[in-house]
Amino acid sequence: MAKQPMLKFVKIERDMPEKRDAIVRNKDFREIYAEFADAKATEQSSRCSQCGVPYCQSHCPLHNNIPDWLRLTATGRLQEAYEVSQATNTFPEICGRICPQDRLCEGNCVIEQSGHGTVTIGSVEKYITDTAWENGWVKPAAPAVERKESVGIIGAGPGGLAAADMLRRAGVQVTVYDRYDRSGGLLTYGIPGFKLEKEIVMRRNKQLEDGGVTFVMNCTVGEDMSFEDIRDRHDAVIIATGVYKSRDLKGPGSGARGIVKAIDYLTASNRVANFGDTVEEFTSGELNAEGKNVVVIGGGDTAMDCVRTAIRQGATSVKCLYRRDRANMPGSQREVQNAEEEGVRFEWLTAPKGFKGDPAVSAVIVEKMRLGLPDASGRQSPEVIEGSDYEEPADLVIKALGFSPEELPTLWGCPELEVTRWGTIKAEFTSGRTVLPDVYAVGDIVRGASLVVWAIRDGRDCAEHVLKDFDKMAAIAAE
């Protein structure tokens, strides 16, 4: 009788890839986790219970066939594991690195619920695709038949690139327009290298180019090229701009020098640390934490990226202010733990009331909070404790309060492009169709600031519907 390769969660404990020591890793921007060795990946995959109803799969936005590629990994069939993984996910090695698995697949693992510790799904996913790259199994698009239809995609982030990949593999002519000089969006300039090393993103960009996707970089729609011009050039247009408008923070002294936006801070750091670019604001110290008391305001994953970046830049101290407690913060608990290990201090139940210093900030006026009744999100609402104010010294304050959509109808001179009351584009669920003929929208510009994995899902779904719409049009023309 053949030996059972799976269901070993009772005998084998959960094990993550080795994490580099905090004293070492907080001095560079390399990823903090080592790779699984082949034997360790096989061992950890074998812990999967092969559920009849796999909650890991149902709680993954892409509905990745996780149990199947875990079984294939456990039995040494890595190329097949990669093919199964790639079938539902355009960028599995990226999701394996940056998805909040503790809130998605791993957080809903059945053996975790039974007290045995979740399967390390994200680490195995990363291992499978990194192995595929090493062995040459990852191939650029090579469509069997070239189609005459052309699609223009505005935005080279994960949603736009996922759609580009799917469409190009179907033979569609694809052009991607983006405001930055490198493709990848937040994957390139928003997420720090210690979570996602940039050669991983650049490698995917090159694969798309090698597969025939055309990139038009340094192109700001509404300035360098009009939205109507792009529509005229293509049979369909997909808007995948993401949301880049930083939410602001008002209060006394909020205009002082040294109070900066998270996106500006992270972009400058990524350019300098990961690409060797010269950034004037970094060189001048405006967007550099070295030797400074840094205060980051916010509790999401962007805030975690900022505090951990500041540590690596050589800040004297780094503190994070968040108005709720640890249990109610939106960011990944795994990221909070990593930040604490690296020397970040979290000040829970605190919020900024104002700022001191003129012309440069010298302190944040902080008020303490307590949690009251739950709000619409189900989390307890923070309430100010009167008379609890204190001052937190700060030479650099980073606002990581989330992002809102830019006013695209105004910026693009296209008032007929309908938006919601939140400023996101109105688009059909799944298909991404907007009110404009042959114009679609995907990712954060539709759902608001969200996860990379959701943008990938939206891009893939939209590409599928664009192809169906092309086929319908072709059938009508042939009648």
Protein backbone atom coordinates (compact mmCIF):
# COMPACT_ATOMS: atom_id res chain seq x y z
CA MET A 1 0.00 0.00 0.00
CA ALA A 2 1.38 3.42 -0.97
CA LYS A 3 2.53 5.67 1.82
CA GLN A 4 0.17 8.56 2.58
CA PRO A 5 2.02 11.75 1.53
CA MET A 6 -0.43 14.18 3.18
CA LEU A 7 -2.31 14.80 6.46
CA LYS A 8 0.93 14.96 8.47
CA PHE A 9 -0.14 17.96 10.53
CA VAL A 10 -0.39 15.83 13.70
CA LYS A 11 3.21 14.59 13.43
CA ILE A 12 4.89 17.64 11.84
CA GLU A 13 4.70 21.09 13.42
CA ARG A 14 4.20 24.29 11.48
CA ASP A 15 7.50 25.87 10.44
CA MET A 16 8.20 29.12 8.62
CA PRO A 17 11.28 29.89 6.53
CA GLU A 18 14.11 31.20 8.67
CA LYS A 19 13.79 34.90 9.45
CA ARG A 20 16.96 36.97 9.42
CA ASP A 21 17.89 38.40 12.81
CA ALA A 22 16.34 41.82 13.41
CA ILE A 23 19.70 43.41 14.31
CA VAL A 24 21.02 42.40 10.88
CA ARG A 25 17.95 42.86 8.69
CA ASN A 26 17.04 46.34 9.95
CA LYS A 27 20.18 47.69 8.26
CA ASP A 28 19.28 46.72 4.69
CA PHE A 29 16.30 46.47 2.33
CA ARG A 30 16.61 42.79 1.44
CA GLU A 31 13.72 40.43 2.11
CA ILE A 32 13.68 39.22 5.71
CA TYR A 33 12.70 35.58 5.06
CA ALA A 34 15.03 32.98 3.60
CA GLU A 35 13.81 30.53 0.96
CA PHE A 36 12.41 27.15 1.92
CA ALA A 37 14.76 24.32 1.01
CA ASP A 38 13.22 21.60 -1.13
CA ALA A 39 12.93 19.16 1.78
CA LYS A 40 11.33 21.77 4.05
CA ALA A 41 8.80 22.85 1.40
CA THR A 42 7.88 19.20 0.83
CA GLU A 43 7.54 18.60 4.57
CA GLN A 44 5.38 21.66 5.23
CA SER A 45 3.15 20.98 2.21
CA SER A 46 2.54 17.46 3.52
CA ARG A 47 0.83 18.94 6.58
CA CYS A 48 -2.23 19.90 4.46
CA SER A 49 -5.35 17.96 5.46
CA GLN A 50 -6.77 18.01 1.90
CA CYS A 51 -10.15 19.25 3.13
CA GLY A 52 -13.34 18.35 1.31
CA VAL A 53 -14.28 22.04 1.57
CA PRO A 54 -10.97 23.95 1.46
CA TYR A 55 -11.55 27.21 3.31
CA CYS A 56 -8.06 28.36 2.32
CA GLN A 57 -9.20 28.35 -1.31
CA SER A 58 -12.60 29.93 -0.71
CA HIS A 59 -11.03 32.78 1.32
CA CYS A 60 -8.43 33.51 -1.36
CA PRO A 61 -9.67 36.31 -3.67
CA LEU A 62 -8.22 34.38 -6.63
CA HIS A 63 -9.63 31.05 -5.41
CA ASN A 64 -6.23 29.49 -5.91
CA ASN A 65 -6.34 25.69 -5.96
CA ILE A 66 -4.16 25.56 -2.86
CA PRO A 67 -4.75 21.94 -1.73
CA ASP A 68 -3.78 20.62 -5.17
CA TRP A 69 -0.50 22.51 -5.47
CA LEU A 70 0.37 21.63 -1.87
CA ARG A 71 -0.15 17.94 -2.68
CA LEU A 72 1.93 18.22 -5.86
CA THR A 73 4.72 19.93 -3.91
CA ALA A 74 4.60 17.27 -1.19
CA THR A 75 5.04 14.55 -3.83
CA GLY A 76 7.89 16.30 -5.66
CA ARG A 77 5.88 17.32 -8.74
CA LEU A 78 6.99 20.96 -8.65
CA GLN A 79 6.49 21.87 -12.30
CA GLU A 80 2.90 20.67 -12.12
CA ALA A 81 2.49 22.57 -8.85
CA TYR A 82 3.65 25.72 -10.61
CA GLU A 83 1.27 25.17 -13.52
CA VAL A 84 -1.69 24.75 -11.16
CA SER A 85 -0.65 27.85 -9.21
CA GLN A 86 -0.13 29.95 -12.36
CA ALA A 87 -3.50 28.88 -13.77
CA THR A 88 -5.38 31.14 -11.34
CA ASN A 89 -2.72 33.70 -10.34
CA THR A 90 -0.73 35.89 -12.71
CA PHE A 91 1.93 36.71 -10.08
CA PRO A 92 2.08 33.90 -7.48
CA GLU A 93 5.61 34.70 -6.33
CA ILE A 94 4.48 38.26 -5.53
CA CYS A 95 1.33 37.17 -3.68
CA GLY A 96 3.40 34.61 -1.76
CA ARG A 97 5.52 37.49 -0.48
CA ILE A 98 3.05 40.30 0.22
CA CYS A 99 -0.44 38.84 0.69
CA PRO A 100 -1.70 39.03 4.29
CA GLN A 101 -2.02 35.25 4.50
CA ASP A 102 -2.82 35.51 8.20
CA ARG A 103 -6.09 37.23 7.20
CA LEU A 104 -6.84 35.19 4.06
CA CYS A 105 -5.81 31.61 3.21
CA GLU A 106 -3.73 30.73 6.28
CA GLY A 107 -6.13 32.50 8.63
CA ASN A 108 -8.88 30.13 7.48
CA CYS A 109 -6.85 26.91 7.37
CA VAL A 110 -8.86 24.08 8.93
CA ILE A 111 -5.94 22.60 10.85
CA GLU A 112 -5.29 26.07 12.31
CA GLN A 113 -8.84 26.04 13.67
CA SER A 114 -8.16 22.63 15.24
CA GLY A 115 -5.08 23.91 17.05
CA HIS A 116 -2.31 22.38 14.95
CA GLY A 117 -0.97 25.55 13.33
CA THR A 118 -1.75 26.61 9.80
CA VAL A 119 -0.01 25.28 6.71
CA THR A 120 2.59 27.88 5.60
CA ILE A 121 0.76 28.47 2.32
CA GLY A 122 2.39 31.78 1.36
CA SER A 123 5.94 30.50 1.81
CA VAL A 124 5.25 27.39 -0.27
CA GLU A 125 3.60 29.50 -2.99
CA LYS A 126 6.69 31.71 -3.14
CA TYR A 127 8.97 28.67 -3.21
CA ILE A 128 7.08 27.00 -6.08
CA THR A 129 7.29 29.98 -8.41
CA ASP A 130 10.86 30.96 -7.48
CA THR A 131 11.82 27.38 -8.36
CA ALA A 132 9.89 27.69 -11.62
CA TRP A 133 11.88 30.80 -12.57
CA GLU A 134 15.17 29.07 -11.71
CA ASN A 135 14.28 26.12 -13.91
CA GLY A 136 13.00 28.11 -16.88
CA TRP A 137 9.39 26.95 -16.54
CA VAL A 138 8.03 30.52 -16.58
CA LYS A 139 7.50 31.51 -20.21
CA PRO A 140 6.43 34.79 -21.83
CA ALA A 141 3.17 34.90 -23.76
CA ALA A 142 3.30 33.08 -27.08
CA PRO A 143 -0.23 33.22 -28.51
CA ALA A 144 -1.08 30.61 -31.13
CA VAL A 145 -2.98 33.22 -33.15
CA GLU A 146 -2.54 36.99 -33.20
CA ARG A 147 -5.79 38.94 -32.96
CA LYS A 148 -6.38 42.29 -34.61
CA GLU A 149 -8.06 43.85 -31.56
CA SER A 150 -6.08 46.36 -29.52
CA VAL A 151 -6.49 47.24 -25.83
CA GLY A 152 -5.01 50.24 -24.05
CA ILE A 153 -4.48 49.85 -20.30
CA ILE A 154 -4.00 52.97 -18.18
CA GLY A 155 -1.95 52.01 -15.15
CA ALA A 156 0.93 49.52 -14.82
CA GLY A 157 0.06 48.26 -11.33
CA PRO A 158 -0.99 44.70 -10.49
CA GLY A 159 -4.53 45.03 -11.90
CA GLY A 160 -3.40 46.49 -15.20
CA LEU A 161 -0.52 44.03 -15.58
CA ALA A 162 -2.74 41.04 -14.79
CA ALA A 163 -5.18 42.13 -17.48
CA ALA A 164 -2.31 42.75 -19.92
CA ASP A 165 -0.93 39.25 -19.36
CA MET A 166 -4.29 37.54 -19.89
CA LEU A 167 -5.13 39.54 -23.01
CA ARG A 168 -1.71 39.12 -24.57
CA ARG A 169 -1.79 35.35 -24.07
CA ALA A 170 -5.05 35.39 -26.03
CA GLY A 171 -3.30 37.21 -28.90
CA VAL A 172 -4.71 40.70 -28.28
CA GLN A 173 -2.43 43.69 -29.02
CA VAL A 174 -1.82 45.38 -25.64
CA THR A 175 -0.34 48.78 -24.77
CA VAL A 176 0.12 49.86 -21.14
CA TYR A 177 0.37 53.57 -20.26
CA ASP A 178 1.78 54.70 -16.92
CA ARG A 179 2.89 57.92 -15.28
CA TYR A 180 6.07 56.43 -13.77
CA ASP A 181 9.37 55.53 -15.42
CA ARG A 182 9.16 51.87 -14.35
CA SER A 183 6.24 49.49 -14.55
CA GLY A 184 4.71 47.87 -11.47
CA GLY A 185 2.88 50.69 -9.70
CA LEU A 186 2.91 50.21 -5.93
CA LEU A 187 4.75 46.90 -6.40
CA THR A 188 7.71 48.95 -7.64
CA TYR A 189 7.54 52.22 -5.74
CA GLY A 190 5.16 51.66 -2.83
CA ILE A 191 6.10 48.35 -1.22
CA PRO A 192 9.60 48.32 0.32
CA GLY A 193 12.28 45.88 -0.80
CA PHE A 194 12.33 44.06 2.53
CA LYS A 195 8.87 42.73 1.64
CA LEU A 196 9.28 42.51 -2.13
CA GLU A 197 12.71 42.76 -3.72
CA LYS A 198 12.46 44.78 -6.90
CA GLU A 199 14.18 42.31 -9.20
CA ILE A 200 11.11 40.10 -8.64
CA VAL A 201 8.88 42.83 -10.12
CA MET A 202 11.32 43.80 -12.88
CA ARG A 203 11.55 40.16 -13.91
CA ARG A 204 7.77 40.06 -14.45
CA ASN A 205 7.85 43.35 -16.34
CA LYS A 206 10.46 41.96 -18.72
CA GLN A 207 8.43 38.77 -19.19
CA LEU A 208 5.43 40.87 -20.26
CA GLU A 209 7.59 42.88 -22.67
CA ASP A 210 9.12 39.70 -24.08
CA GLY A 211 5.57 38.43 -24.61
CA GLY A 212 4.68 41.42 -26.76
CA VAL A 213 3.12 43.92 -24.33
CA THR A 214 4.05 47.50 -25.27
CA PHE A 215 4.78 49.94 -22.42
CA VAL A 216 4.48 53.72 -22.73
CA MET A 217 6.11 55.11 -19.60
CA ASN A 218 6.35 58.66 -18.18
CA CYS A 219 2.89 59.22 -19.64
CA THR A 220 0.42 61.15 -17.51
CA VAL A 221 -3.05 60.90 -19.02
CA GLY A 222 -4.61 64.34 -19.30
CA GLU A 223 -1.20 65.98 -19.72
CA ASP A 224 1.07 63.98 -22.05
CA MET A 225 -1.81 62.27 -23.81
CA SER A 226 -5.56 62.76 -23.64
CA PHE A 227 -7.98 60.08 -22.55
CA GLU A 228 -9.87 60.48 -25.82
CA ASP A 229 -6.66 59.98 -27.81
CA ILE A 230 -6.07 56.66 -26.03
CA ARG A 231 -9.67 55.62 -26.72
CA ASP A 232 -9.23 56.47 -30.40
CA ARG A 233 -6.12 54.31 -30.65
CA HIS A 234 -7.66 51.14 -29.20
CA ASP A 235 -10.73 48.94 -29.50
CA ALA A 236 -11.09 48.92 -25.72
CA VAL A 237 -9.54 50.74 -22.76
CA ILE A 238 -9.05 49.43 -19.22
CA ILE A 239 -8.59 51.99 -16.45
CA ALA A 240 -6.32 50.56 -13.74
CA THR A 241 -4.84 53.70 -12.20
CA GLY A 242 -5.16 52.70 -8.56
CA VAL A 243 -5.75 55.34 -5.88
CA TYR A 244 -2.89 57.74 -5.22
CA LYS A 245 -4.51 60.75 -3.55
CA SER A 246 -3.29 60.75 0.07
CA ARG A 247 -5.86 61.43 2.77
CA ASP A 248 -4.83 64.56 4.61
CA LEU A 249 -4.59 65.46 8.27
CA LYS A 250 -5.67 68.86 9.53
CA GLY A 251 -5.03 70.55 12.85
CA PRO A 252 -2.87 73.30 14.32
CA GLY A 253 0.61 73.28 12.79
CA SER A 254 -0.22 70.71 10.10
CA GLY A 255 1.55 72.79 7.46
CA ALA A 256 4.95 72.65 9.17
CA ARG A 257 7.97 71.42 7.25
CA GLY A 258 8.78 67.79 8.03
CA ILE A 259 5.18 66.53 7.85
CA VAL A 260 5.09 64.35 4.72
CA LYS A 261 2.86 61.91 2.85
CA ALA A 262 3.57 58.19 3.08
CA ILE A 263 3.51 57.69 -0.71
CA ASP A 264 6.14 60.41 -1.24
CA TYR A 265 8.32 58.98 1.53
CA LEU A 266 8.12 55.37 0.33
CA THR A 267 8.61 56.27 -3.34
CA ALA A 268 11.78 58.23 -2.54
CA SER A 269 13.12 55.40 -0.39
CA ASN A 270 12.41 52.75 -3.03
CA ARG A 271 14.07 54.80 -5.74
CA VAL A 272 17.22 55.36 -3.70
CA ALA A 273 17.54 52.04 -1.85
CA ASN A 274 16.41 49.67 -4.60
CA PHE A 275 17.32 51.38 -7.88
CA GLY A 276 20.14 53.75 -6.95
CA ASP A 277 18.22 56.77 -8.28
CA THR A 278 19.10 60.28 -7.14
CA VAL A 279 16.12 61.89 -5.39
CA GLU A 280 16.61 65.51 -4.43
CA GLU A 281 14.14 65.39 -1.53
CA PHE A 282 15.98 62.39 -0.08
CA THR A 283 19.42 63.93 -0.47
CA SER A 284 18.24 67.15 1.21
CA GLY A 285 16.89 65.15 4.16
CA GLU A 286 13.23 66.06 3.56
CA LEU A 287 12.27 62.44 2.87
CA ASN A 288 15.09 60.77 4.80
CA ALA A 289 14.68 59.54 8.40
CA GLU A 290 18.37 59.27 9.23
CA GLY A 291 19.15 60.68 12.68
CA LYS A 292 15.56 61.81 13.28
CA ASN A 293 12.78 61.13 15.75
CA VAL A 294 10.10 59.74 13.45
CA VAL A 295 6.38 59.51 14.14
CA VAL A 296 4.15 57.61 11.73
CA ILE A 297 0.40 58.17 11.94
CA GLY A 298 -1.81 55.25 10.88
CA GLY A 299 -2.37 51.55 11.50
CA GLY A 300 -2.53 49.95 8.05
CA ASP A 301 0.06 48.11 6.00
CA THR A 302 1.35 51.39 4.55
CA ALA A 303 2.11 52.61 8.06
CA MET A 304 3.99 49.37 8.72
CA ASP A 305 6.02 49.92 5.56
CA CYS A 306 6.90 53.45 6.72
CA VAL A 307 8.00 52.57 10.25
CA ARG A 308 10.16 49.67 9.05
CA THR A 309 11.69 51.85 6.32
CA ALA A 310 12.54 54.58 8.84
CA ILE A 311 14.36 52.04 11.02
CA ARG A 312 16.49 51.00 8.04
CA GLN A 313 17.30 54.59 7.17
CA GLY A 314 18.88 55.04 10.61
CA ALA A 315 16.21 56.96 12.52
CA THR A 316 17.01 57.78 16.15
CA SER A 317 13.55 56.61 17.22
CA VAL A 318 10.43 55.40 15.40
CA LYS A 319 6.96 55.46 16.91
CA CYS A 320 3.60 54.60 15.38
CA LEU A 321 0.45 56.34 16.59
CA TYR A 322 -2.79 54.43 16.08
CA ARG A 323 -6.18 55.47 17.44
CA ARG A 324 -7.44 51.96 18.19
CA ASP A 325 -5.78 49.05 19.98
CA ARG A 326 -3.69 46.25 18.52
CA ALA A 327 -6.64 43.88 18.06
CA ASN A 328 -8.56 46.45 16.00
CA MET A 329 -5.83 47.66 13.66
CA PRO A 330 -6.27 47.00 9.92
CA GLY A 331 -2.64 46.11 9.23
CA SER A 332 -1.18 42.61 9.30
CA GLN A 333 -0.33 41.34 12.79
CA ARG A 334 2.69 39.61 11.26
CA GLU A 335 3.96 42.99 10.07
CA VAL A 336 3.43 44.52 13.52
CA GLN A 337 5.50 41.74 15.06
CA ASN A 338 8.27 42.25 12.50
CA ALA A 339 8.28 45.99 13.19
CA GLU A 340 8.47 45.50 16.97
CA GLU A 341 11.38 43.09 16.55
CA GLU A 342 13.19 45.74 14.50
CA GLY A 343 12.80 48.45 17.15
CA VAL A 344 9.53 50.23 16.36
CA ARG A 345 7.38 51.38 19.30
CA PHE A 346 3.61 51.36 18.96
CA GLU A 347 1.53 53.87 20.88
CA TRP A 348 -1.93 52.30 20.86
CA LEU A 349 -5.10 54.33 21.46
CA THR A 350 -3.47 57.62 20.49
CA ALA A 351 -4.27 60.21 17.84
CA PRO A 352 -2.67 63.49 16.70
CA LYS A 353 -4.41 66.67 17.83
CA GLY A 354 -1.93 69.11 16.33
CA PHE A 355 1.74 69.84 15.77
CA LYS A 356 4.37 72.10 17.30
CA GLY A 357 7.25 73.77 15.53
CA ASP A 358 7.72 76.63 13.07
CA PRO A 359 8.82 76.41 10.32
CA ALA A 360 9.81 72.76 10.95
CA VAL A 361 7.86 70.30 13.07
CA SER A 362 9.32 69.56 16.51
CA ALA A 363 6.55 67.57 18.20
CA VAL A 364 3.15 65.96 17.71
CA ILE A 365 0.44 66.95 20.18
CA VAL A 366 -1.11 63.59 21.03
CA GLU A 367 -4.44 62.85 22.69
CA LYS A 368 -5.21 59.49 24.25
CA MET A 369 -8.28 57.50 23.21
CA ARG A 370 -10.54 54.79 24.53
CA LEU A 371 -12.75 52.39 22.59
CA GLY A 372 -16.50 52.94 22.58
CA LEU A 373 -19.32 51.27 20.68
CA PRO A 374 -18.70 49.45 17.37
CA ASP A 375 -18.97 51.48 14.15
CA ALA A 376 -20.26 50.37 10.72
CA SER A 377 -17.15 48.25 10.18
CA GLY A 378 -17.80 46.31 13.38
CA ARG A 379 -14.76 47.74 15.13
CA GLN A 380 -15.09 49.76 18.31
CA SER A 381 -15.03 53.51 17.70
CA PRO A 382 -12.23 55.51 19.33
CA GLU A 383 -13.27 58.26 21.76
CA VAL A 384 -11.05 61.06 23.06
CA ILE A 385 -10.09 61.02 26.74
CA GLU A 386 -10.38 64.67 27.72
CA GLY A 387 -7.29 66.22 29.33
CA SER A 388 -4.99 63.39 28.25
CA ASP A 389 -2.87 65.43 25.82
CA TYR A 390 0.90 65.06 25.72
CA GLU A 391 3.74 65.95 23.33
CA GLU A 392 5.68 63.41 21.31
CA PRO A 393 9.03 64.77 19.99
CA ALA A 394 9.25 64.47 16.20
CA ASP A 395 11.60 65.72 13.48
CA LEU A 396 9.74 63.79 10.75
CA VAL A 397 6.03 62.98 10.74
CA ILE A 398 4.71 60.58 8.10
CA LYS A 399 1.00 60.55 7.34
CA ALA A 400 -0.12 57.00 6.46
CA LEU A 401 -3.86 57.57 6.55
CA GLY A 402 -4.88 55.74 3.40
CA PHE A 403 -5.59 56.77 -0.16
CA SER A 404 -8.51 58.20 -2.12
CA PRO A 405 -9.20 58.29 -5.87
CA GLU A 406 -8.00 61.18 -7.95
CA GLU A 407 -10.75 63.15 -9.74
CA LEU A 408 -10.32 61.38 -13.06
CA PRO A 409 -13.33 62.88 -14.90
CA THR A 410 -11.90 66.35 -14.24
CA LEU A 411 -8.22 65.46 -14.77
CA TRP A 412 -9.02 63.66 -18.01
CA GLY A 413 -11.63 66.10 -19.32
CA CYS A 414 -14.22 63.33 -19.44
CA PRO A 415 -17.24 64.35 -17.29
CA GLU A 416 -19.32 61.49 -18.71
CA LEU A 417 -17.10 58.97 -16.88
CA GLU A 418 -19.35 58.16 -13.93
CA VAL A 419 -17.97 57.91 -10.41
CA THR A 420 -19.45 56.98 -7.05
CA ARG A 421 -19.89 59.35 -4.13
CA TRP A 422 -16.46 58.16 -2.95
CA GLY A 423 -14.86 59.16 -6.25
CA THR A 424 -14.26 55.58 -7.45
CA ILE A 425 -15.28 54.69 -10.98
CA LYS A 426 -18.70 53.08 -11.39
CA ALA A 427 -18.15 49.71 -13.03
CA GLU A 428 -20.00 46.42 -13.31
CA PHE A 429 -19.06 43.73 -10.85
CA THR A 430 -16.67 41.16 -12.38
CA SER A 431 -16.68 42.54 -15.95
CA GLY A 432 -15.44 46.03 -15.07
CA ARG A 433 -17.63 47.63 -17.76
CA THR A 434 -18.28 51.35 -17.24
CA VAL A 435 -21.01 53.56 -18.73
CA LEU A 436 -18.64 54.48 -21.58
CA PRO A 437 -18.65 52.09 -24.54
CA ASP A 438 -15.60 49.80 -24.61
CA VAL A 439 -14.17 51.36 -21.43
CA TYR A 440 -13.56 49.14 -18.40
CA ALA A 441 -12.11 49.75 -14.94
CA VAL A 442 -10.42 47.43 -12.44
CA GLY A 443 -8.66 47.35 -9.08
CA ASP A 444 -8.50 50.08 -6.47
CA ILE A 445 -9.96 52.74 -8.75
CA VAL A 446 -13.20 50.74 -8.56
CA ARG A 447 -13.16 49.12 -5.10
CA GLY A 448 -11.08 51.73 -3.23
CA ALA A 449 -7.71 51.08 -1.59
CA SER A 450 -7.47 47.32 -1.24
CA LEU A 451 -5.10 44.38 -1.55
CA VAL A 452 -2.81 43.53 -4.47
CA VAL A 453 -4.47 40.11 -4.76
CA TRP A 454 -7.87 41.73 -5.34
CA ALA A 455 -6.42 43.93 -8.09
CA ILE A 456 -5.00 40.83 -9.78
CA ARG A 457 -8.40 39.14 -9.54
CA ASP A 458 -10.13 42.18 -11.04
CA GLY A 459 -7.63 42.41 -13.89
CA ARG A 460 -8.02 38.75 -14.80
CA ASP A 461 -11.84 38.86 -14.61
CA CYS A 462 -12.00 42.00 -16.74
CA ALA A 463 -9.67 40.54 -19.40
CA GLU A 464 -11.94 37.52 -19.67
CA HIS A 465 -14.97 39.74 -20.28
CA VAL A 466 -13.12 41.97 -22.76
CA LEU A 467 -12.36 38.85 -24.80
CA LYS A 468 -16.03 37.77 -24.66
CA ASP A 469 -17.12 41.23 -25.80
CA PHE A 470 -14.64 41.12 -28.70
CA ASP A 471 -15.99 37.72 -29.74
CA LYS A 472 -19.57 39.00 -29.63
CA MET A 473 -18.65 41.98 -31.80
CA ALA A 474 -16.85 39.71 -34.28
CA ALA A 475 -19.85 37.41 -34.47
CA ILE A 476 -22.19 40.33 -35.15
CA ALA A 477 -19.86 41.69 -37.85
CA ALA A 478 -19.77 38.29 -39.52
CA GLU A 479 -23.56 38.03 -39.83
